[in-house]
Amino acid sequence: MGFPLQIALRYMGSKKRAFVSLGTSLAILGVALGTACLSIVVSVTGGFRSEFREKVLGVNAHVLVLKYSSDFREYRSVMKDMKEVPGVIGVAPFVINPMMVSHNDKTATGVLLKGVDPELFGDVLDLPKHIVKGSTEGLRVPGAKPPESTRRLRVRDSVLEGPNNKQGDPNYI
């Protein structure tokens, strides 16, 4: 038996007939619980971080180049410059506009509508992976235009979900 083990057993033991004293038992239990809690927290945090990255980076590119004014006519030249940067895999333009969405003339909710280029967004977004029902194939039809009469949009937003409005119901902008 090694010297460190001999010292550990000597001080772990009780002065009475019990093998381990109450104080030593509580200390061992405290260290074990602390270690278990720490490993659980690290695991949960790691899972949250990976899930957060997947959700955020799935609908946004890793880098966004924005202009402070609403007029960004030179975006094509900026895209060309960005393509030449080493390590850049893809570039795609987008627009974001605030909208009001209503359903059955009952709710009006503010949302941000993001418009993407159907030919280029696949290089920078994981959007098809997040679509619950349907696909992005309709975006790529040559000459496709939105309907003229009513501008419908299918929205899945937790703000809009409720007893009168379910996922996939048409909402009007």
N, C-alpha and C. Protein backbone atom coordinates (compact mmCIF):
# COMPACT_ATOMS: atom_id res chain seq x y z
N MET A 1 0.86 -1.17 0.00
CA MET A 1 0.00 0.00 0.00
C MET A 1 0.91 1.23 0.00
N GLY A 2 0.61 2.19 -0.91
CA GLY A 2 1.42 3.39 -1.04
C GLY A 2 1.20 4.35 0.12
N PHE A 3 2.17 5.21 0.30
CA PHE A 3 2.11 6.18 1.40
C PHE A 3 0.92 7.13 1.28
N PRO A 4 0.62 7.73 0.08
CA PRO A 4 -0.53 8.63 -0.01
C PRO A 4 -1.85 7.93 0.32
N LEU A 5 -2.01 6.67 -0.12
CA LEU A 5 -3.23 5.93 0.17
C LEU A 5 -3.34 5.65 1.67
N GLN A 6 -2.21 5.35 2.30
CA GLN A 6 -2.21 5.09 3.74
C GLN A 6 -2.64 6.33 4.51
N ILE A 7 -2.17 7.51 4.11
CA ILE A 7 -2.57 8.76 4.79
C ILE A 7 -4.05 9.03 4.55
N ALA A 8 -4.53 8.82 3.31
CA ALA A 8 -5.93 9.06 3.00
C ALA A 8 -6.84 8.17 3.83
N LEU A 9 -6.50 6.88 3.95
CA LEU A 9 -7.31 5.96 4.74
C LEU A 9 -7.26 6.31 6.22
N ARG A 10 -6.13 6.78 6.69
CA ARG A 10 -5.99 7.12 8.11
C ARG A 10 -6.89 8.29 8.47
N TYR A 11 -6.92 9.36 7.61
CA TYR A 11 -7.72 10.53 7.95
C TYR A 11 -9.18 10.41 7.51
N MET A 12 -9.48 9.45 6.65
CA MET A 12 -10.86 9.22 6.25
C MET A 12 -11.60 8.47 7.35
N GLY A 13 -10.91 7.66 8.05
CA GLY A 13 -11.53 6.85 9.08
C GLY A 13 -11.93 7.65 10.30
N SER A 14 -12.80 7.07 11.08
CA SER A 14 -13.31 7.69 12.28
C SER A 14 -12.46 7.25 13.47
N LYS A 15 -12.51 8.04 14.53
CA LYS A 15 -11.78 7.66 15.72
C LYS A 15 -12.55 6.57 16.49
N LYS A 16 -13.84 6.46 16.17
CA LYS A 16 -14.65 5.45 16.84
C LYS A 16 -14.66 4.20 15.98
N ARG A 17 -15.67 3.39 16.13
CA ARG A 17 -15.73 2.13 15.40
C ARG A 17 -16.22 2.30 13.96
N ALA A 18 -16.88 3.40 13.63
CA ALA A 18 -17.39 3.60 12.27
C ALA A 18 -16.22 3.74 11.30
N PHE A 19 -16.41 3.26 10.07
CA PHE A 19 -15.33 3.28 9.08
C PHE A 19 -15.05 4.71 8.61
N VAL A 20 -16.12 5.51 8.36
CA VAL A 20 -15.96 6.87 7.85
C VAL A 20 -16.72 7.81 8.77
N SER A 21 -16.09 8.94 9.10
CA SER A 21 -16.76 9.91 9.97
C SER A 21 -17.84 10.66 9.20
N LEU A 22 -18.75 11.29 9.93
CA LEU A 22 -19.86 12.03 9.32
C LEU A 22 -19.34 13.20 8.50
N GLY A 23 -18.37 13.92 9.02
CA GLY A 23 -17.81 15.07 8.29
C GLY A 23 -17.16 14.65 6.98
N THR A 24 -16.44 13.54 7.02
CA THR A 24 -15.80 13.03 5.80
C THR A 24 -16.85 12.59 4.79
N SER A 25 -17.90 11.93 5.27
CA SER A 25 -18.98 11.50 4.37
C SER A 25 -19.65 12.68 3.70
N LEU A 26 -19.93 13.74 4.47
CA LEU A 26 -20.55 14.93 3.90
C LEU A 26 -19.63 15.61 2.89
N ALA A 27 -18.34 15.64 3.17
CA ALA A 27 -17.39 16.25 2.24
C ALA A 27 -17.32 15.46 0.93
N ILE A 28 -17.28 14.13 1.03
CA ILE A 28 -17.25 13.29 -0.18
C ILE A 28 -18.54 13.46 -0.98
N LEU A 29 -19.68 13.48 -0.28
CA LEU A 29 -20.96 13.67 -0.95
C LEU A 29 -21.03 15.04 -1.63
N GLY A 30 -20.54 16.08 -0.96
CA GLY A 30 -20.54 17.43 -1.54
C GLY A 30 -19.69 17.52 -2.80
N VAL A 31 -18.51 16.92 -2.76
CA VAL A 31 -17.64 16.93 -3.94
C VAL A 31 -18.29 16.14 -5.08
N ALA A 32 -18.90 15.00 -4.77
CA ALA A 32 -19.54 14.19 -5.81
C ALA A 32 -20.72 14.93 -6.44
N LEU A 33 -21.57 15.56 -5.61
CA LEU A 33 -22.70 16.32 -6.14
C LEU A 33 -22.24 17.52 -6.95
N GLY A 34 -21.23 18.22 -6.46
CA GLY A 34 -20.69 19.37 -7.20
C GLY A 34 -20.15 18.97 -8.55
N THR A 35 -19.43 17.87 -8.60
CA THR A 35 -18.88 17.38 -9.87
C THR A 35 -20.00 16.97 -10.82
N ALA A 36 -21.02 16.29 -10.30
CA ALA A 36 -22.14 15.88 -11.15
C ALA A 36 -22.88 17.09 -11.70
N CYS A 37 -23.14 18.08 -10.83
CA CYS A 37 -23.84 19.30 -11.29
C CYS A 37 -23.03 20.04 -12.34
N LEU A 38 -21.74 20.14 -12.13
CA LEU A 38 -20.88 20.84 -13.09
C LEU A 38 -20.89 20.14 -14.44
N SER A 39 -20.80 18.82 -14.45
CA SER A 39 -20.80 18.11 -15.74
C SER A 39 -22.16 18.22 -16.43
N ILE A 40 -23.26 18.24 -15.67
CA ILE A 40 -24.58 18.41 -16.27
C ILE A 40 -24.71 19.80 -16.88
N VAL A 41 -24.28 20.82 -16.17
CA VAL A 41 -24.37 22.20 -16.67
C VAL A 41 -23.52 22.37 -17.93
N VAL A 42 -22.32 21.80 -17.95
CA VAL A 42 -21.46 21.89 -19.13
C VAL A 42 -22.11 21.19 -20.32
N SER A 43 -22.74 20.05 -20.10
CA SER A 43 -23.41 19.33 -21.18
C SER A 43 -24.60 20.12 -21.72
N VAL A 44 -25.42 20.66 -20.84
CA VAL A 44 -26.59 21.43 -21.27
C VAL A 44 -26.15 22.69 -22.02
N THR A 45 -25.13 23.37 -21.52
CA THR A 45 -24.63 24.57 -22.18
C THR A 45 -24.08 24.25 -23.56
N GLY A 46 -23.34 23.16 -23.69
CA GLY A 46 -22.82 22.76 -24.99
C GLY A 46 -23.92 22.44 -25.97
N GLY A 47 -24.95 21.75 -25.52
CA GLY A 47 -26.09 21.44 -26.38
C GLY A 47 -26.85 22.68 -26.80
N PHE A 48 -27.04 23.61 -25.85
CA PHE A 48 -27.71 24.87 -26.17
C PHE A 48 -26.92 25.66 -27.20
N ARG A 49 -25.61 25.69 -27.02
CA ARG A 49 -24.76 26.46 -27.94
C ARG A 49 -24.82 25.89 -29.35
N SER A 50 -24.76 24.57 -29.48
CA SER A 50 -24.82 23.99 -30.82
C SER A 50 -26.20 24.19 -31.45
N GLU A 51 -27.25 24.05 -30.67
CA GLU A 51 -28.61 24.26 -31.18
C GLU A 51 -28.82 25.72 -31.58
N PHE A 52 -28.31 26.64 -30.76
CA PHE A 52 -28.42 28.07 -31.04
C PHE A 52 -27.69 28.41 -32.33
N ARG A 53 -26.48 27.89 -32.48
CA ARG A 53 -25.72 28.14 -33.71
C ARG A 53 -26.45 27.61 -34.93
N GLU A 54 -27.00 26.41 -34.82
CA GLU A 54 -27.71 25.82 -35.95
C GLU A 54 -28.92 26.66 -36.34
N LYS A 55 -29.68 27.12 -35.35
CA LYS A 55 -30.89 27.90 -35.64
C LYS A 55 -30.55 29.28 -36.19
N VAL A 56 -29.61 29.97 -35.56
CA VAL A 56 -29.29 31.33 -35.99
C VAL A 56 -28.54 31.33 -37.31
N LEU A 57 -27.53 30.49 -37.44
CA LEU A 57 -26.75 30.47 -38.67
C LEU A 57 -27.49 29.76 -39.80
N GLY A 58 -28.56 29.05 -39.50
CA GLY A 58 -29.34 28.42 -40.55
C GLY A 58 -30.18 29.40 -41.33
N VAL A 59 -30.58 30.49 -40.69
CA VAL A 59 -31.40 31.49 -41.38
C VAL A 59 -30.66 32.79 -41.62
N ASN A 60 -29.44 32.88 -41.17
CA ASN A 60 -28.59 34.05 -41.42
C ASN A 60 -27.22 33.56 -41.86
N ALA A 61 -26.56 34.36 -42.66
CA ALA A 61 -25.20 34.03 -43.06
C ALA A 61 -24.26 34.31 -41.88
N HIS A 62 -23.04 33.80 -41.96
CA HIS A 62 -22.08 34.02 -40.88
C HIS A 62 -21.68 35.48 -40.80
N VAL A 63 -21.61 36.16 -41.93
CA VAL A 63 -21.24 37.58 -41.98
C VAL A 63 -22.31 38.31 -42.79
N LEU A 64 -22.78 39.43 -42.27
CA LEU A 64 -23.74 40.26 -42.98
C LEU A 64 -23.08 41.59 -43.30
N VAL A 65 -23.12 42.00 -44.55
CA VAL A 65 -22.61 43.31 -44.96
C VAL A 65 -23.83 44.19 -45.16
N LEU A 66 -23.96 45.21 -44.32
CA LEU A 66 -25.14 46.08 -44.34
C LEU A 66 -24.73 47.52 -44.63
N LYS A 67 -25.68 48.30 -45.09
CA LYS A 67 -25.48 49.72 -45.30
C LYS A 67 -26.49 50.45 -44.42
N TYR A 68 -26.09 51.57 -43.86
CA TYR A 68 -26.98 52.27 -42.93
C TYR A 68 -28.18 52.91 -43.61
N SER A 69 -28.04 53.30 -44.86
CA SER A 69 -29.19 53.88 -45.55
C SER A 69 -30.02 52.76 -46.18
N SER A 70 -31.24 53.09 -46.56
CA SER A 70 -32.10 52.07 -47.16
C SER A 70 -31.78 51.84 -48.63
N ASP A 71 -31.00 52.72 -49.24
CA ASP A 71 -30.65 52.60 -50.65
C ASP A 71 -29.29 51.93 -50.78
N PHE A 72 -29.27 50.72 -51.32
CA PHE A 72 -28.02 49.96 -51.46
C PHE A 72 -27.93 49.46 -52.91
N ARG A 73 -27.83 50.39 -53.83
CA ARG A 73 -27.83 50.05 -55.26
C ARG A 73 -26.55 49.38 -55.71
N GLU A 74 -25.45 49.62 -55.01
CA GLU A 74 -24.16 49.06 -55.43
C GLU A 74 -23.89 47.69 -54.82
N TYR A 75 -24.95 46.97 -54.44
CA TYR A 75 -24.76 45.67 -53.79
C TYR A 75 -24.07 44.66 -54.69
N ARG A 76 -24.25 44.75 -56.00
CA ARG A 76 -23.60 43.80 -56.91
C ARG A 76 -22.08 43.94 -56.87
N SER A 77 -21.59 45.17 -56.84
CA SER A 77 -20.13 45.35 -56.77
C SER A 77 -19.59 44.91 -55.42
N VAL A 78 -20.36 45.12 -54.35
CA VAL A 78 -19.95 44.65 -53.02
C VAL A 78 -19.93 43.13 -53.00
N MET A 79 -20.93 42.49 -53.62
CA MET A 79 -20.94 41.02 -53.69
C MET A 79 -19.72 40.51 -54.45
N LYS A 80 -19.37 41.19 -55.53
CA LYS A 80 -18.19 40.78 -56.32
C LYS A 80 -16.92 40.89 -55.48
N ASP A 81 -16.80 41.98 -54.71
CA ASP A 81 -15.63 42.15 -53.83
C ASP A 81 -15.59 41.08 -52.75
N MET A 82 -16.76 40.74 -52.19
CA MET A 82 -16.81 39.74 -51.12
C MET A 82 -16.45 38.35 -51.63
N LYS A 83 -16.82 38.03 -52.87
CA LYS A 83 -16.49 36.72 -53.44
C LYS A 83 -14.98 36.51 -53.54
N GLU A 84 -14.24 37.62 -53.69
CA GLU A 84 -12.79 37.53 -53.86
C GLU A 84 -12.05 37.39 -52.53
N VAL A 85 -12.74 37.54 -51.41
CA VAL A 85 -12.10 37.40 -50.10
C VAL A 85 -11.80 35.93 -49.86
N PRO A 86 -10.56 35.59 -49.46
CA PRO A 86 -10.23 34.18 -49.21
C PRO A 86 -11.11 33.58 -48.11
N GLY A 87 -11.59 32.37 -48.34
CA GLY A 87 -12.41 31.67 -47.35
C GLY A 87 -13.90 31.88 -47.51
N VAL A 88 -14.32 32.81 -48.36
CA VAL A 88 -15.74 33.05 -48.57
C VAL A 88 -16.28 31.98 -49.51
N ILE A 89 -17.30 31.26 -49.06
CA ILE A 89 -17.88 30.16 -49.84
C ILE A 89 -18.98 30.66 -50.75
N GLY A 90 -19.80 31.58 -50.27
CA GLY A 90 -20.90 32.07 -51.08
C GLY A 90 -21.38 33.43 -50.61
N VAL A 91 -21.99 34.17 -51.50
CA VAL A 91 -22.59 35.46 -51.17
C VAL A 91 -23.98 35.51 -51.77
N ALA A 92 -24.89 36.22 -51.11
CA ALA A 92 -26.25 36.35 -51.62
C ALA A 92 -26.87 37.62 -51.05
N PRO A 93 -27.60 38.36 -51.86
CA PRO A 93 -28.27 39.57 -51.36
C PRO A 93 -29.57 39.21 -50.64
N PHE A 94 -30.02 40.11 -49.78
CA PHE A 94 -31.31 39.93 -49.12
C PHE A 94 -31.87 41.29 -48.76
N VAL A 95 -33.15 41.35 -48.51
CA VAL A 95 -33.81 42.55 -48.01
C VAL A 95 -34.66 42.15 -46.82
N ILE A 96 -34.79 43.06 -45.89
CA ILE A 96 -35.65 42.84 -44.72
C ILE A 96 -36.58 44.04 -44.62
N ASN A 97 -37.88 43.77 -44.55
CA ASN A 97 -38.86 44.84 -44.42
C ASN A 97 -39.84 44.52 -43.31
N PRO A 98 -40.19 45.52 -42.50
CA PRO A 98 -41.22 45.30 -41.49
C PRO A 98 -42.59 45.22 -42.16
N MET A 99 -43.42 44.31 -41.68
CA MET A 99 -44.76 44.10 -42.24
C MET A 99 -45.75 43.91 -41.10
N MET A 100 -47.01 44.10 -41.42
CA MET A 100 -48.10 43.76 -40.51
C MET A 100 -48.79 42.54 -41.10
N VAL A 101 -49.00 41.52 -40.29
CA VAL A 101 -49.65 40.29 -40.72
C VAL A 101 -50.97 40.16 -39.98
N SER A 102 -52.04 39.85 -40.71
CA SER A 102 -53.34 39.65 -40.06
C SER A 102 -53.91 38.32 -40.50
N HIS A 103 -54.82 37.80 -39.67
CA HIS A 103 -55.47 36.52 -39.94
C HIS A 103 -56.94 36.66 -39.63
N ASN A 104 -57.80 36.42 -40.63
CA ASN A 104 -59.25 36.49 -40.45
C ASN A 104 -59.71 37.82 -39.85
N ASP A 105 -59.05 38.88 -40.17
CA ASP A 105 -59.37 40.22 -39.67
C ASP A 105 -59.40 40.28 -38.14
N LYS A 106 -58.69 39.40 -37.47
CA LYS A 106 -58.71 39.38 -36.01
C LYS A 106 -57.40 39.84 -35.40
N THR A 107 -56.28 39.45 -35.98
CA THR A 107 -55.00 39.78 -35.38
C THR A 107 -54.17 40.59 -36.34
N ALA A 108 -53.41 41.49 -35.81
CA ALA A 108 -52.43 42.24 -36.60
C ALA A 108 -51.13 42.20 -35.81
N THR A 109 -50.14 41.59 -36.38
CA THR A 109 -48.87 41.40 -35.68
C THR A 109 -47.74 41.92 -36.55
N GLY A 110 -46.79 42.58 -35.93
CA GLY A 110 -45.62 43.06 -36.66
C GLY A 110 -44.59 41.96 -36.82
N VAL A 111 -44.11 41.76 -38.03
CA VAL A 111 -43.08 40.77 -38.32
C VAL A 111 -42.05 41.40 -39.25
N LEU A 112 -40.90 40.76 -39.34
CA LEU A 112 -39.90 41.16 -40.33
C LEU A 112 -39.91 40.12 -41.44
N LEU A 113 -40.10 40.56 -42.66
CA LEU A 113 -40.12 39.67 -43.81
C LEU A 113 -38.77 39.77 -44.50
N LYS A 114 -38.12 38.62 -44.67
CA LYS A 114 -36.80 38.59 -45.31
C LYS A 114 -36.95 38.04 -46.71
N GLY A 115 -36.51 38.82 -47.69
CA GLY A 115 -36.54 38.39 -49.08
C GLY A 115 -35.15 37.96 -49.52
N VAL A 116 -35.05 36.82 -50.20
CA VAL A 116 -33.75 36.29 -50.63
C VAL A 116 -33.78 36.03 -52.13
N ASP A 117 -32.60 35.97 -52.72
CA ASP A 117 -32.46 35.63 -54.13
C ASP A 117 -32.57 34.11 -54.26
N PRO A 118 -33.58 33.58 -54.97
CA PRO A 118 -33.77 32.13 -55.03
C PRO A 118 -32.62 31.38 -55.68
N GLU A 119 -31.83 32.04 -56.50
CA GLU A 119 -30.71 31.38 -57.16
C GLU A 119 -29.48 31.29 -56.26
N LEU A 120 -29.34 32.21 -55.31
CA LEU A 120 -28.09 32.31 -54.54
C LEU A 120 -28.21 31.94 -53.07
N PHE A 121 -29.42 31.91 -52.51
CA PHE A 121 -29.52 31.75 -51.06
C PHE A 121 -29.05 30.39 -50.57
N GLY A 122 -29.05 29.38 -51.44
CA GLY A 122 -28.61 28.04 -51.02
C GLY A 122 -27.16 27.97 -50.62
N ASP A 123 -26.34 28.93 -51.08
CA ASP A 123 -24.92 28.95 -50.72
C ASP A 123 -24.68 29.46 -49.31
N VAL A 124 -25.62 30.24 -48.77
CA VAL A 124 -25.38 30.89 -47.48
C VAL A 124 -26.40 30.54 -46.40
N LEU A 125 -27.52 29.92 -46.75
CA LEU A 125 -28.57 29.62 -45.77
C LEU A 125 -28.93 28.14 -45.80
N ASP A 126 -29.40 27.64 -44.65
CA ASP A 126 -29.94 26.29 -44.54
C ASP A 126 -31.46 26.33 -44.54
N LEU A 127 -32.03 27.25 -45.26
CA LEU A 127 -33.47 27.46 -45.23
C LEU A 127 -34.29 26.22 -45.57
N PRO A 128 -33.96 25.44 -46.61
CA PRO A 128 -34.78 24.26 -46.91
C PRO A 128 -34.88 23.27 -45.75
N LYS A 129 -33.86 23.21 -44.92
CA LYS A 129 -33.86 22.29 -43.78
C LYS A 129 -34.89 22.71 -42.72
N HIS A 130 -35.21 24.01 -42.66
CA HIS A 130 -36.12 24.52 -41.64
C HIS A 130 -37.57 24.62 -42.12
N ILE A 131 -37.83 24.29 -43.37
CA ILE A 131 -39.20 24.35 -43.89
C ILE A 131 -39.95 23.11 -43.41
N VAL A 132 -41.08 23.33 -42.74
CA VAL A 132 -41.86 22.24 -42.17
C VAL A 132 -42.72 21.56 -43.24
N LYS A 133 -43.39 22.35 -44.06
CA LYS A 133 -44.28 21.81 -45.07
C LYS A 133 -44.05 22.58 -46.37
N GLY A 134 -43.84 21.88 -47.47
CA GLY A 134 -43.60 22.53 -48.75
C GLY A 134 -42.12 22.50 -49.11
N SER A 135 -41.73 23.33 -50.07
CA SER A 135 -40.34 23.38 -50.50
C SER A 135 -40.04 24.74 -51.09
N THR A 136 -38.80 24.93 -51.49
CA THR A 136 -38.38 26.19 -52.11
C THR A 136 -38.40 26.10 -53.63
N GLU A 137 -38.89 25.00 -54.19
CA GLU A 137 -38.86 24.81 -55.64
C GLU A 137 -39.69 25.86 -56.38
N GLY A 138 -40.78 26.33 -55.80
CA GLY A 138 -41.60 27.33 -56.45
C GLY A 138 -40.90 28.67 -56.62
N LEU A 139 -39.86 28.90 -55.85
CA LEU A 139 -39.12 30.15 -55.97
C LEU A 139 -38.28 30.20 -57.24
N ARG A 140 -37.95 29.05 -57.78
CA ARG A 140 -37.02 29.00 -58.91
C ARG A 140 -37.71 28.90 -60.27
N VAL A 141 -39.02 28.97 -60.32
CA VAL A 141 -39.74 28.88 -61.59
C VAL A 141 -39.47 30.15 -62.39
N PRO A 142 -38.95 30.02 -63.62
CA PRO A 142 -38.66 31.22 -64.43
C PRO A 142 -39.94 32.01 -64.70
N GLY A 143 -39.89 33.29 -64.46
CA GLY A 143 -41.03 34.17 -64.71
C GLY A 143 -42.13 34.08 -63.67
N ALA A 144 -41.92 33.35 -62.58
CA ALA A 144 -42.95 33.21 -61.55
C ALA A 144 -43.18 34.55 -60.86
N LYS A 145 -44.45 34.87 -60.63
CA LYS A 145 -44.81 36.13 -59.97
C LYS A 145 -45.82 35.82 -58.87
N PRO A 146 -45.87 36.67 -57.85
CA PRO A 146 -46.87 36.45 -56.80
C PRO A 146 -48.27 36.70 -57.34
N PRO A 147 -49.30 36.11 -56.71
CA PRO A 147 -50.67 36.34 -57.17
C PRO A 147 -51.02 37.82 -57.11
N GLU A 148 -51.83 38.28 -58.06
CA GLU A 148 -52.16 39.71 -58.16
C GLU A 148 -53.25 40.13 -57.18
N SER A 149 -54.27 39.27 -56.95
CA SER A 149 -55.43 39.71 -56.19
C SER A 149 -55.13 39.93 -54.72
N THR A 150 -54.76 38.90 -53.99
CA THR A 150 -54.43 39.04 -52.58
C THR A 150 -53.01 38.55 -52.38
N ARG A 151 -52.28 39.24 -51.60
CA ARG A 151 -50.90 38.85 -51.34
C ARG A 151 -50.89 37.93 -50.13
N ARG A 152 -50.85 36.62 -50.37
CA ARG A 152 -50.87 35.64 -49.29
C ARG A 152 -49.46 35.24 -48.91
N LEU A 153 -49.31 34.90 -47.67
CA LEU A 153 -48.02 34.45 -47.17
C LEU A 153 -48.28 33.41 -46.10
N ARG A 154 -47.63 32.28 -46.21
CA ARG A 154 -47.76 31.27 -45.16
C ARG A 154 -46.65 31.51 -44.15
N VAL A 155 -47.05 31.71 -42.91
CA VAL A 155 -46.11 32.10 -41.87
C VAL A 155 -46.15 31.09 -40.74
N ARG A 156 -45.00 30.72 -40.25
CA ARG A 156 -44.94 29.94 -39.02
C ARG A 156 -44.21 30.80 -38.01
N ASP A 157 -44.95 31.39 -37.12
CA ASP A 157 -44.39 32.29 -36.14
C ASP A 157 -45.13 32.05 -34.83
N SER A 158 -44.39 31.89 -33.75
CA SER A 158 -45.03 31.61 -32.47
C SER A 158 -45.96 32.74 -32.05
N VAL A 159 -45.72 33.95 -32.55
CA VAL A 159 -46.60 35.07 -32.22
C VAL A 159 -47.97 34.87 -32.85
N LEU A 160 -48.00 34.26 -34.03
CA LEU A 160 -49.26 34.09 -34.75
C LEU A 160 -50.02 32.84 -34.35
N GLU A 161 -49.35 31.85 -33.77
CA GLU A 161 -50.03 30.61 -33.43
C GLU A 161 -50.96 30.83 -32.24
N GLY A 162 -52.16 30.35 -32.34
CA GLY A 162 -53.13 30.50 -31.27
C GLY A 162 -54.33 29.63 -31.57
N PRO A 163 -55.41 29.76 -30.78
CA PRO A 163 -56.58 28.91 -31.00
C PRO A 163 -57.25 29.15 -32.35
N ASN A 164 -57.17 30.37 -32.89
CA ASN A 164 -57.82 30.67 -34.16
C ASN A 164 -56.85 30.66 -35.34
N ASN A 165 -55.60 30.45 -35.10
CA ASN A 165 -54.59 30.54 -36.15
C ASN A 165 -53.57 29.44 -35.95
N LYS A 166 -53.56 28.47 -36.88
CA LYS A 166 -52.64 27.35 -36.76
C LYS A 166 -51.54 27.46 -37.80
N GLN A 167 -50.51 26.67 -37.62
CA GLN A 167 -49.40 26.64 -38.57
C GLN A 167 -49.91 26.25 -39.95
N GLY A 168 -49.49 27.01 -40.97
CA GLY A 168 -49.88 26.72 -42.34
C GLY A 168 -51.12 27.46 -42.79
N ASP A 169 -51.86 28.11 -41.87
CA ASP A 169 -53.02 28.91 -42.27
C ASP A 169 -52.54 30.12 -43.07
N PRO A 170 -53.30 30.54 -44.09
CA PRO A 170 -52.88 31.73 -44.84
C PRO A 170 -53.02 32.98 -43.99
N ASN A 171 -52.03 33.82 -44.05
CA ASN A 171 -52.04 35.11 -43.36
C ASN A 171 -51.84 36.18 -44.43
N TYR A 172 -52.38 37.34 -44.20
CA TYR A 172 -52.35 38.40 -45.21
C TYR A 172 -51.45 39.54 -44.76
N ILE A 173 -50.64 40.03 -45.72
CA ILE A 173 -49.73 41.14 -45.43
C ILE A 173 -50.42 42.43 -45.84
